[in-house]
Amino acid sequence: MLVCQCNMITQKEVEDTIVSLLDEDAWQLIVPAKVYHTLSKRGRCCGCFPNVVETIIRVTEEYHHRHSGAEGAEIVTYLDQVRALRERYGSRFNERRQKGYRAA
């Protein structure tokens, strides 16, 4: 599945990049800019960044479930908090317009 149309980046490429970054350091902070830099790309319209953030959360959660036994519950709790903050603050506006606004 295509994640970024501007750079022609697939979901599989993003997932593989996240796993390779986690293999280097399992506790590093991974953001979309770091994923794009590793892929030697850059965000153009940045419309794909919310999807990349969701992919980062999902892949990181799966990675830590596979590689750590006892700490899994703590990791999931933290990622749920990140997801809740994103829903609370990240999706309030779309291009500085309110959701009810329609141009056409």
PDB file of N, CA and C in Angstrom:
ATOM      1  N   MET A   1       0.847  -1.173   0.000  1.00  0.00           N
ATOM      2  CA  MET A   1       0.000   0.000   0.000  1.00  0.00           C
ATOM      3  C   MET A   1       0.895   1.240   0.000  1.00  0.00           C
ATOM      4  N   LEU A   2       0.514   2.218  -0.756  1.00  0.00           N
ATOM      5  CA  LEU A   2       1.281   3.452  -0.873  1.00  0.00           C
ATOM      6  C   LEU A   2       0.937   4.383   0.291  1.00  0.00           C
ATOM      7  N   VAL A   3       1.962   4.803   1.026  1.00  0.00           N
ATOM      8  CA  VAL A   3       1.770   5.692   2.168  1.00  0.00           C
ATOM      9  C   VAL A   3       1.958   7.143   1.748  1.00  0.00           C
ATOM     10  N   CYS A   4       3.012   7.398   0.982  1.00  0.00           N
ATOM     11  CA  CYS A   4       3.342   8.753   0.553  1.00  0.00           C
ATOM     12  C   CYS A   4       3.352   8.814  -0.965  1.00  0.00           C
ATOM     13  N   GLN A   5       2.408   9.549  -1.522  1.00  0.00           N
ATOM     14  CA  GLN A   5       2.339   9.669  -2.974  1.00  0.00           C
ATOM     15  C   GLN A   5       3.403  10.609  -3.524  1.00  0.00           C
ATOM     16  N   CYS A   6       3.815  11.586  -2.740  1.00  0.00           N
ATOM     17  CA  CYS A   6       4.826  12.543  -3.202  1.00  0.00           C
ATOM     18  C   CYS A   6       6.174  11.862  -3.438  1.00  0.00           C
ATOM     19  N   ASN A   7       6.535  10.928  -2.556  1.00  0.00           N
ATOM     20  CA  ASN A   7       7.832  10.265  -2.623  1.00  0.00           C
ATOM     21  C   ASN A   7       7.744   8.807  -3.069  1.00  0.00           C
ATOM     22  N   MET A   8       6.534   8.321  -3.319  1.00  0.00           N
ATOM     23  CA  MET A   8       6.306   6.932  -3.710  1.00  0.00           C
ATOM     24  C   MET A   8       6.900   5.965  -2.675  1.00  0.00           C
ATOM     25  N   ILE A   9       6.475   6.103  -1.431  1.00  0.00           N
ATOM     26  CA  ILE A   9       6.932   5.260  -0.334  1.00  0.00           C
ATOM     27  C   ILE A   9       5.788   4.322   0.053  1.00  0.00           C
ATOM     28  N   THR A  10       6.103   3.038   0.157  1.00  0.00           N
ATOM     29  CA  THR A  10       5.091   2.054   0.507  1.00  0.00           C
ATOM     30  C   THR A  10       5.061   1.806   2.013  1.00  0.00           C
ATOM     31  N   GLN A  11       3.984   1.191   2.455  1.00  0.00           N
ATOM     32  CA  GLN A  11       3.823   0.831   3.861  1.00  0.00           C
ATOM     33  C   GLN A  11       4.934  -0.124   4.295  1.00  0.00           C
ATOM     34  N   LYS A  12       5.281  -1.067   3.456  1.00  0.00           N
ATOM     35  CA  LYS A  12       6.332  -2.048   3.767  1.00  0.00           C
ATOM     36  C   LYS A  12       7.684  -1.367   3.974  1.00  0.00           C
ATOM     37  N   GLU A  13       8.006  -0.365   3.154  1.00  0.00           N
ATOM     38  CA  GLU A  13       9.266   0.369   3.313  1.00  0.00           C
ATOM     39  C   GLU A  13       9.311   1.105   4.648  1.00  0.00           C
ATOM     40  N   VAL A  14       8.202   1.715   5.022  1.00  0.00           N
ATOM     41  CA  VAL A  14       8.140   2.434   6.294  1.00  0.00           C
ATOM     42  C   VAL A  14       8.295   1.463   7.454  1.00  0.00           C
ATOM     43  N   GLU A  15       7.577   0.332   7.403  1.00  0.00           N
ATOM     44  CA  GLU A  15       7.660  -0.655   8.471  1.00  0.00           C
ATOM     45  C   GLU A  15       9.076  -1.222   8.601  1.00  0.00           C
ATOM     46  N   ASP A  16       9.711  -1.550   7.476  1.00  0.00           N
ATOM     47  CA  ASP A  16      11.076  -2.086   7.504  1.00  0.00           C
ATOM     48  C   ASP A  16      12.063  -1.069   8.062  1.00  0.00           C
ATOM     49  N   THR A  17      11.864   0.195   7.726  1.00  0.00           N
ATOM     50  CA  THR A  17      12.740   1.249   8.239  1.00  0.00           C
ATOM     51  C   THR A  17      12.590   1.403   9.740  1.00  0.00           C
ATOM     52  N   ILE A  18      11.362   1.353  10.234  1.00  0.00           N
ATOM     53  CA  ILE A  18      11.116   1.474  11.671  1.00  0.00           C
ATOM     54  C   ILE A  18      11.762   0.308  12.416  1.00  0.00           C
ATOM     55  N   VAL A  19      11.616  -0.902  11.898  1.00  0.00           N
ATOM     56  CA  VAL A  19      12.216  -2.073  12.539  1.00  0.00           C
ATOM     57  C   VAL A  19      13.738  -1.965  12.545  1.00  0.00           C
ATOM     58  N   SER A  20      14.320  -1.488  11.449  1.00  0.00           N
ATOM     59  CA  SER A  20      15.781  -1.343  11.417  1.00  0.00           C
ATOM     60  C   SER A  20      16.259  -0.290  12.416  1.00  0.00           C
ATOM     61  N   LEU A  21      15.492   0.794  12.580  1.00  0.00           N
ATOM     62  CA  LEU A  21      15.836   1.802  13.581  1.00  0.00           C
ATOM     63  C   LEU A  21      15.712   1.238  14.991  1.00  0.00           C
ATOM     64  N   LEU A  22      14.686   0.433  15.228  1.00  0.00           N
ATOM     65  CA  LEU A  22      14.511  -0.180  16.545  1.00  0.00           C
ATOM     66  C   LEU A  22      15.584  -1.223  16.831  1.00  0.00           C
ATOM     67  N   ASP A  23      16.076  -1.887  15.786  1.00  0.00           N
ATOM     68  CA  ASP A  23      17.168  -2.844  15.974  1.00  0.00           C
ATOM     69  C   ASP A  23      18.445  -2.134  16.414  1.00  0.00           C
ATOM     70  N   GLU A  24      18.663  -0.918  15.933  1.00  0.00           N
ATOM     71  CA  GLU A  24      19.835  -0.136  16.349  1.00  0.00           C
ATOM     72  C   GLU A  24      19.725   0.269  17.818  1.00  0.00           C
ATOM     73  N   ASP A  25      18.562   0.806  18.196  1.00  0.00           N
ATOM     74  CA  ASP A  25      18.314   1.223  19.572  1.00  0.00           C
ATOM     75  C   ASP A  25      16.818   1.100  19.820  1.00  0.00           C
ATOM     76  N   ALA A  26      16.445   0.135  20.631  1.00  0.00           N
ATOM     77  CA  ALA A  26      15.026  -0.169  20.837  1.00  0.00           C
ATOM     78  C   ALA A  26      14.278   0.926  21.587  1.00  0.00           C
ATOM     79  N   TRP A  27      14.993   1.837  22.243  1.00  0.00           N
ATOM     80  CA  TRP A  27      14.335   2.859  23.051  1.00  0.00           C
ATOM     81  C   TRP A  27      14.486   4.262  22.491  1.00  0.00           C
ATOM     82  N   GLN A  28      14.896   4.378  21.265  1.00  0.00           N
ATOM     83  CA  GLN A  28      15.016   5.703  20.668  1.00  0.00           C
ATOM     84  C   GLN A  28      13.647   6.252  20.279  1.00  0.00           C
ATOM     85  N   LEU A  29      13.573   7.552  20.166  1.00  0.00           N
ATOM     86  CA  LEU A  29      12.355   8.214  19.739  1.00  0.00           C
ATOM     87  C   LEU A  29      12.343   8.250  18.218  1.00  0.00           C
ATOM     88  N   ILE A  30      11.319   7.651  17.634  1.00  0.00           N
ATOM     89  CA  ILE A  30      11.204   7.618  16.177  1.00  0.00           C
ATOM     90  C   ILE A  30      10.072   8.551  15.774  1.00  0.00           C
ATOM     91  N   VAL A  31      10.378   9.483  14.897  1.00  0.00           N
ATOM     92  CA  VAL A  31       9.415  10.439  14.373  1.00  0.00           C
ATOM     93  C   VAL A  31       9.412  10.324  12.851  1.00  0.00           C
ATOM     94  N   PRO A  32       8.386  10.842  12.179  1.00  0.00           N
ATOM     95  CA  PRO A  32       8.338  10.733  10.719  1.00  0.00           C
ATOM     96  C   PRO A  32       9.572  11.298  10.017  1.00  0.00           C
ATOM     97  N   ALA A  33      10.121  12.402  10.516  1.00  0.00           N
ATOM     98  CA  ALA A  33      11.298  12.990   9.874  1.00  0.00           C
ATOM     99  C   ALA A  33      12.488  12.033   9.908  1.00  0.00           C
ATOM    100  N   LYS A  34      12.623  11.285  10.992  1.00  0.00           N
ATOM    101  CA  LYS A  34      13.722  10.320  11.103  1.00  0.00           C
ATOM    102  C   LYS A  34      13.522   9.169  10.119  1.00  0.00           C
ATOM    103  N   VAL A  35      12.290   8.722   9.953  1.00  0.00           N
ATOM    104  CA  VAL A  35      11.987   7.652   8.997  1.00  0.00           C
ATOM    105  C   VAL A  35      12.299   8.127   7.584  1.00  0.00           C
ATOM    106  N   TYR A  36      11.862   9.322   7.245  1.00  0.00           N
ATOM    107  CA  TYR A  36      12.098   9.855   5.902  1.00  0.00           C
ATOM    108  C   TYR A  36      13.586  10.085   5.653  1.00  0.00           C
ATOM    109  N   HIS A  37      14.306  10.554   6.665  1.00  0.00           N
ATOM    110  CA  HIS A  37      15.745  10.770   6.515  1.00  0.00           C
ATOM    111  C   HIS A  37      16.466   9.444   6.257  1.00  0.00           C
ATOM    112  N   THR A  38      16.060   8.397   6.964  1.00  0.00           N
ATOM    113  CA  THR A  38      16.655   7.076   6.769  1.00  0.00           C
ATOM    114  C   THR A  38      16.368   6.564   5.366  1.00  0.00           C
ATOM    115  N   LEU A  39      15.210   6.888   4.825  1.00  0.00           N
ATOM    116  CA  LEU A  39      14.850   6.497   3.459  1.00  0.00           C
ATOM    117  C   LEU A  39      15.449   7.423   2.400  1.00  0.00           C
ATOM    118  N   SER A  40      16.202   8.433   2.831  1.00  0.00           N
ATOM    119  CA  SER A  40      16.787   9.451   1.943  1.00  0.00           C
ATOM    120  C   SER A  40      15.704  10.211   1.178  1.00  0.00           C
ATOM    121  N   LYS A  41      14.623  10.496   1.871  1.00  0.00           N
ATOM    122  CA  LYS A  41      13.510  11.280   1.310  1.00  0.00           C
ATOM    123  C   LYS A  41      13.234  12.432   2.253  1.00  0.00           C
ATOM    124  N   ARG A  42      12.320  13.306   1.853  1.00  0.00           N
ATOM    125  CA  ARG A  42      11.886  14.375   2.745  1.00  0.00           C
ATOM    126  C   ARG A  42      10.399  14.604   2.544  1.00  0.00           C
ATOM    127  N   GLY A  43       9.756  15.075   3.601  1.00  0.00           N
ATOM    128  CA  GLY A  43       8.331  15.347   3.521  1.00  0.00           C
ATOM    129  C   GLY A  43       8.068  16.538   2.611  1.00  0.00           C
ATOM    130  N   ARG A  44       7.166  16.386   1.695  1.00  0.00           N
ATOM    131  CA  ARG A  44       6.840  17.494   0.792  1.00  0.00           C
ATOM    132  C   ARG A  44       5.541  18.155   1.222  1.00  0.00           C
ATOM    133  N   CYS A  45       4.432  17.464   1.058  1.00  0.00           N
ATOM    134  CA  CYS A  45       3.165  18.060   1.502  1.00  0.00           C
ATOM    135  C   CYS A  45       2.869  17.688   2.953  1.00  0.00           C
ATOM    136  N   CYS A  46       3.518  16.635   3.455  1.00  0.00           N
ATOM    137  CA  CYS A  46       3.417  16.150   4.835  1.00  0.00           C
ATOM    138  C   CYS A  46       2.008  15.671   5.201  1.00  0.00           C
ATOM    139  N   GLY A  47       1.178  15.405   4.229  1.00  0.00           N
ATOM    140  CA  GLY A  47      -0.150  14.869   4.482  1.00  0.00           C
ATOM    141  C   GLY A  47      -0.112  13.430   4.960  1.00  0.00           C
ATOM    142  N   CYS A  48       0.978  12.741   4.706  1.00  0.00           N
ATOM    143  CA  CYS A  48       1.121  11.338   5.106  1.00  0.00           C
ATOM    144  C   CYS A  48       1.639  11.191   6.531  1.00  0.00           C
ATOM    145  N   PHE A  49       2.114  12.248   7.154  1.00  0.00           N
ATOM    146  CA  PHE A  49       2.735  12.144   8.473  1.00  0.00           C
ATOM    147  C   PHE A  49       1.807  11.550   9.535  1.00  0.00           C
ATOM    148  N   PRO A  50       0.511  11.895   9.589  1.00  0.00           N
ATOM    149  CA  PRO A  50      -0.356  11.241  10.586  1.00  0.00           C
ATOM    150  C   PRO A  50      -0.408   9.720  10.411  1.00  0.00           C
ATOM    151  N   ASN A  51      -0.442   9.251   9.174  1.00  0.00           N
ATOM    152  CA  ASN A  51      -0.441   7.805   8.928  1.00  0.00           C
ATOM    153  C   ASN A  51       0.891   7.187   9.316  1.00  0.00           C
ATOM    154  N   VAL A  52       1.983   7.901   9.088  1.00  0.00           N
ATOM    155  CA  VAL A  52       3.304   7.401   9.460  1.00  0.00           C
ATOM    156  C   VAL A  52       3.416   7.323  10.982  1.00  0.00           C
ATOM    157  N   VAL A  53       2.853   8.283  11.693  1.00  0.00           N
ATOM    158  CA  VAL A  53       2.869   8.250  13.164  1.00  0.00           C
ATOM    159  C   VAL A  53       2.106   7.026  13.668  1.00  0.00           C
ATOM    160  N   GLU A  54       0.941   6.748  13.092  1.00  0.00           N
ATOM    161  CA  GLU A  54       0.181   5.561  13.480  1.00  0.00           C
ATOM    162  C   GLU A  54       0.965   4.288  13.184  1.00  0.00           C
ATOM    163  N   THR A  55       1.665   4.257  12.060  1.00  0.00           N
ATOM    164  CA  THR A  55       2.486   3.099  11.709  1.00  0.00           C
ATOM    165  C   THR A  55       3.638   2.947  12.691  1.00  0.00           C
ATOM    166  N   ILE A  56       4.270   4.055  13.074  1.00  0.00           N
ATOM    167  CA  ILE A  56       5.359   4.014  14.051  1.00  0.00           C
ATOM    168  C   ILE A  56       4.856   3.430  15.366  1.00  0.00           C
ATOM    169  N   ILE A  57       3.708   3.879  15.834  1.00  0.00           N
ATOM    170  CA  ILE A  57       3.153   3.387  17.097  1.00  0.00           C
ATOM    171  C   ILE A  57       2.853   1.897  17.000  1.00  0.00           C
ATOM    172  N   ARG A  58       2.202   1.480  15.918  1.00  0.00           N
ATOM    173  CA  ARG A  58       1.827   0.078  15.755  1.00  0.00           C
ATOM    174  C   ARG A  58       3.052  -0.832  15.665  1.00  0.00           C
ATOM    175  N   VAL A  59       4.022  -0.459  14.831  1.00  0.00           N
ATOM    176  CA  VAL A  59       5.209  -1.294  14.630  1.00  0.00           C
ATOM    177  C   VAL A  59       6.062  -1.326  15.901  1.00  0.00           C
ATOM    178  N   THR A  60       6.189  -0.206  16.591  1.00  0.00           N
ATOM    179  CA  THR A  60       6.951  -0.170  17.841  1.00  0.00           C
ATOM    180  C   THR A  60       6.295  -1.056  18.890  1.00  0.00           C
ATOM    181  N   GLU A  61       4.977  -0.997  18.974  1.00  0.00           N
ATOM    182  CA  GLU A  61       4.248  -1.838  19.911  1.00  0.00           C
ATOM    183  C   GLU A  61       4.479  -3.318  19.608  1.00  0.00           C
ATOM    184  N   GLU A  62       4.371  -3.708  18.346  1.00  0.00           N
ATOM    185  CA  GLU A  62       4.597  -5.100  17.948  1.00  0.00           C
ATOM    186  C   GLU A  62       6.037  -5.520  18.206  1.00  0.00           C
ATOM    187  N   TYR A  63       6.978  -4.639  17.926  1.00  0.00           N
ATOM    188  CA  TYR A  63       8.398  -4.933  18.125  1.00  0.00           C
ATOM    189  C   TYR A  63       8.692  -5.226  19.594  1.00  0.00           C
ATOM    190  N   HIS A  64       8.179  -4.382  20.483  1.00  0.00           N
ATOM    191  CA  HIS A  64       8.446  -4.556  21.906  1.00  0.00           C
ATOM    192  C   HIS A  64       7.714  -5.772  22.479  1.00  0.00           C
ATOM    193  N   HIS A  65       6.553  -6.106  21.928  1.00  0.00           N
ATOM    194  CA  HIS A  65       5.870  -7.326  22.359  1.00  0.00           C
ATOM    195  C   HIS A  65       6.694  -8.562  22.007  1.00  0.00           C
ATOM    196  N   ARG A  66       7.326  -8.543  20.848  1.00  0.00           N
ATOM    197  CA  ARG A  66       8.139  -9.679  20.421  1.00  0.00           C
ATOM    198  C   ARG A  66       9.434  -9.797  21.207  1.00  0.00           C
ATOM    199  N   HIS A  67      10.050  -8.675  21.573  1.00  0.00           N
ATOM    200  CA  HIS A  67      11.397  -8.704  22.128  1.00  0.00           C
ATOM    201  C   HIS A  67      11.491  -8.531  23.638  1.00  0.00           C
ATOM    202  N   SER A  68      10.408  -8.198  24.291  1.00  0.00           N
ATOM    203  CA  SER A  68      10.478  -8.058  25.757  1.00  0.00           C
ATOM    204  C   SER A  68       9.252  -8.707  26.369  1.00  0.00           C
ATOM    205  N   GLY A  69       9.478  -9.523  27.358  1.00  0.00           N
ATOM    206  CA  GLY A  69       8.376 -10.253  27.967  1.00  0.00           C
ATOM    207  C   GLY A  69       7.692  -9.499  29.077  1.00  0.00           C
ATOM    208  N   ALA A  70       8.418  -9.160  30.127  1.00  0.00           N
ATOM    209  CA  ALA A  70       7.815  -8.598  31.329  1.00  0.00           C
ATOM    210  C   ALA A  70       7.420  -7.141  31.174  1.00  0.00           C
ATOM    211  N   GLU A  71       8.122  -6.395  30.347  1.00  0.00           N
ATOM    212  CA  GLU A  71       7.873  -4.959  30.244  1.00  0.00           C
ATOM    213  C   GLU A  71       6.794  -4.618  29.214  1.00  0.00           C
ATOM    214  N   GLY A  72       6.188  -5.597  28.617  1.00  0.00           N
ATOM    215  CA  GLY A  72       5.208  -5.365  27.562  1.00  0.00           C
ATOM    216  C   GLY A  72       4.018  -4.536  28.003  1.00  0.00           C
ATOM    217  N   ALA A  73       3.514  -4.785  29.213  1.00  0.00           N
ATOM    218  CA  ALA A  73       2.346  -4.053  29.697  1.00  0.00           C
ATOM    219  C   ALA A  73       2.661  -2.576  29.865  1.00  0.00           C
ATOM    220  N   GLU A  74       3.848  -2.252  30.357  1.00  0.00           N
ATOM    221  CA  GLU A  74       4.232  -0.858  30.532  1.00  0.00           C
ATOM    222  C   GLU A  74       4.363  -0.151  29.190  1.00  0.00           C
ATOM    223  N   ILE A  75       4.887  -0.838  28.196  1.00  0.00           N
ATOM    224  CA  ILE A  75       5.062  -0.250  26.872  1.00  0.00           C
ATOM    225  C   ILE A  75       3.716   0.056  26.248  1.00  0.00           C
ATOM    226  N   VAL A  76       2.789  -0.884  26.326  1.00  0.00           N
ATOM    227  CA  VAL A  76       1.470  -0.674  25.750  1.00  0.00           C
ATOM    228  C   VAL A  76       0.771   0.490  26.427  1.00  0.00           C
ATOM    229  N   THR A  77       0.907   0.599  27.749  1.00  0.00           N
ATOM    230  CA  THR A  77       0.296   1.707  28.474  1.00  0.00           C
ATOM    231  C   THR A  77       0.845   3.044  27.972  1.00  0.00           C
ATOM    232  N   TYR A  78       2.144   3.121  27.779  1.00  0.00           N
ATOM    233  CA  TYR A  78       2.750   4.358  27.292  1.00  0.00           C
ATOM    234  C   TYR A  78       2.261   4.682  25.881  1.00  0.00           C
ATOM    235  N   LEU A  79       2.231   3.688  24.999  1.00  0.00           N
ATOM    236  CA  LEU A  79       1.795   3.940  23.628  1.00  0.00           C
ATOM    237  C   LEU A  79       0.315   4.320  23.568  1.00  0.00           C
ATOM    238  N   ASP A  80      -0.498   3.777  24.463  1.00  0.00           N
ATOM    239  CA  ASP A  80      -1.896   4.190  24.528  1.00  0.00           C
ATOM    240  C   ASP A  80      -2.011   5.652  24.941  1.00  0.00           C
ATOM    241  N   GLN A  81      -1.136   6.091  25.854  1.00  0.00           N
ATOM    242  CA  GLN A  81      -1.135   7.503  26.250  1.00  0.00           C
ATOM    243  C   GLN A  81      -0.740   8.399  25.078  1.00  0.00           C
ATOM    244  N   VAL A  82       0.250   7.971  24.299  1.00  0.00           N
ATOM    245  CA  VAL A  82       0.660   8.746  23.125  1.00  0.00           C
ATOM    246  C   VAL A  82      -0.492   8.823  22.123  1.00  0.00           C
ATOM    247  N   ARG A  83      -1.164   7.716  21.907  1.00  0.00           N
ATOM    248  CA  ARG A  83      -2.292   7.687  20.975  1.00  0.00           C
ATOM    249  C   ARG A  83      -3.429   8.592  21.462  1.00  0.00           C
ATOM    250  N   ALA A  84      -3.689   8.590  22.762  1.00  0.00           N
ATOM    251  CA  ALA A  84      -4.742   9.440  23.319  1.00  0.00           C
ATOM    252  C   ALA A  84      -4.396  10.920  23.172  1.00  0.00           C
ATOM    253  N   LEU A  85      -3.137  11.278  23.405  1.00  0.00           N
ATOM    254  CA  LEU A  85      -2.723  12.669  23.222  1.00  0.00           C
ATOM    255  C   LEU A  85      -2.858  13.093  21.768  1.00  0.00           C
ATOM    256  N   ARG A  86      -2.535  12.192  20.870  1.00  0.00           N
ATOM    257  CA  ARG A  86      -2.640  12.516  19.452  1.00  0.00           C
ATOM    258  C   ARG A  86      -4.093  12.752  19.055  1.00  0.00           C
ATOM    259  N   GLU A  87      -4.993  11.919  19.566  1.00  0.00           N
ATOM    260  CA  GLU A  87      -6.413  12.105  19.277  1.00  0.00           C
ATOM    261  C   GLU A  87      -6.943  13.380  19.911  1.00  0.00           C
ATOM    262  N   ARG A  88      -6.435  13.701  21.093  1.00  0.00           N
ATOM    263  CA  ARG A  88      -6.930  14.879  21.805  1.00  0.00           C
ATOM    264  C   ARG A  88      -6.447  16.182  21.180  1.00  0.00           C
ATOM    265  N   TYR A  89      -5.158  16.262  20.833  1.00  0.00           N
ATOM    266  CA  TYR A  89      -4.591  17.514  20.352  1.00  0.00           C
ATOM    267  C   TYR A  89      -4.284  17.532  18.857  1.00  0.00           C
ATOM    268  N   GLY A  90      -4.039  16.374  18.276  1.00  0.00           N
ATOM    269  CA  GLY A  90      -3.530  16.335  16.907  1.00  0.00           C
ATOM    270  C   GLY A  90      -4.559  16.455  15.815  1.00  0.00           C
ATOM    271  N   SER A  91      -5.821  16.169  16.099  1.00  0.00           N
ATOM    272  CA  SER A  91      -6.792  16.158  15.014  1.00  0.00           C
ATOM    273  C   SER A  91      -7.890  17.198  15.205  1.00  0.00           C
ATOM    274  N   ARG A  92      -7.586  18.260  15.895  1.00  0.00           N
ATOM    275  CA  ARG A  92      -8.586  19.285  16.138  1.00  0.00           C
ATOM    276  C   ARG A  92      -8.873  20.098  14.869  1.00  0.00           C
ATOM    277  N   PHE A  93      -7.834  20.448  14.133  1.00  0.00           N
ATOM    278  CA  PHE A  93      -7.996  21.245  12.932  1.00  0.00           C
ATOM    279  C   PHE A  93      -7.385  20.515  11.742  1.00  0.00           C
ATOM    280  N   ASN A  94      -7.931  20.777  10.582  1.00  0.00           N
ATOM    281  CA  ASN A  94      -7.386  20.244   9.346  1.00  0.00           C
ATOM    282  C   ASN A  94      -7.072  21.431   8.458  1.00  0.00           C
ATOM    283  N   GLU A  95      -5.808  21.709   8.260  1.00  0.00           N
ATOM    284  CA  GLU A  95      -5.353  22.853   7.480  1.00  0.00           C
ATOM    285  C   GLU A  95      -5.931  24.156   8.012  1.00  0.00           C
ATOM    286  N   ARG A  96      -6.005  24.248   9.320  1.00  0.00           N
ATOM    287  CA  ARG A  96      -6.503  25.420  10.033  1.00  0.00           C
ATOM    288  C   ARG A  96      -7.972  25.736   9.758  1.00  0.00           C
ATOM    289  N   ARG A  97      -8.698  24.771   9.211  1.00  0.00           N
ATOM    290  CA  ARG A  97     -10.136  24.934   9.028  1.00  0.00           C
ATOM    291  C   ARG A  97     -10.850  23.971   9.959  1.00  0.00           C
ATOM    292  N   GLN A  98     -12.011  24.353  10.387  1.00  0.00           N
ATOM    293  CA  GLN A  98     -12.773  23.465  11.239  1.00  0.00           C
ATOM    294  C   GLN A  98     -13.390  22.368  10.385  1.00  0.00           C
ATOM    295  N   LYS A  99     -13.722  21.254  11.013  1.00  0.00           N
ATOM    296  CA  LYS A  99     -14.177  20.087  10.264  1.00  0.00           C
ATOM    297  C   LYS A  99     -15.463  20.333   9.486  1.00  0.00           C
ATOM    298  N   GLY A 100     -16.319  21.199   9.969  1.00  0.00           N
ATOM    299  CA  GLY A 100     -17.579  21.448   9.293  1.00  0.00           C
ATOM    300  C   GLY A 100     -17.445  22.309   8.049  1.00  0.00           C
ATOM    301  N   TYR A 101     -16.278  22.893   7.828  1.00  0.00           N
ATOM    302  CA  TYR A 101     -16.066  23.789   6.698  1.00  0.00           C
ATOM    303  C   TYR A 101     -15.893  23.003   5.418  1.00  0.00           C
ATOM    304  N   ARG A 102     -16.603  23.400   4.383  1.00  0.00           N
ATOM    305  CA  ARG A 102     -16.464  22.798   3.057  1.00  0.00           C
ATOM    306  C   ARG A 102     -16.322  23.911   2.031  1.00  0.00           C
ATOM    307  N   ALA A 103     -15.329  23.765   1.175  1.00  0.00           N
ATOM    308  CA  ALA A 103     -15.085  24.795   0.158  1.00  0.00           C
ATOM    309  C   ALA A 103     -16.071  24.678  -0.995  1.00  0.00           C
ATOM    310  N   ALA A 104     -16.517  23.463  -1.280  1.00  0.00           N
ATOM    311  CA  ALA A 104     -17.423  23.290  -2.427  1.00  0.00           C
ATOM    312  C   ALA A 104     -18.704  22.647  -2.015  1.00  0.00           C
TER     313      ALA A 104
END
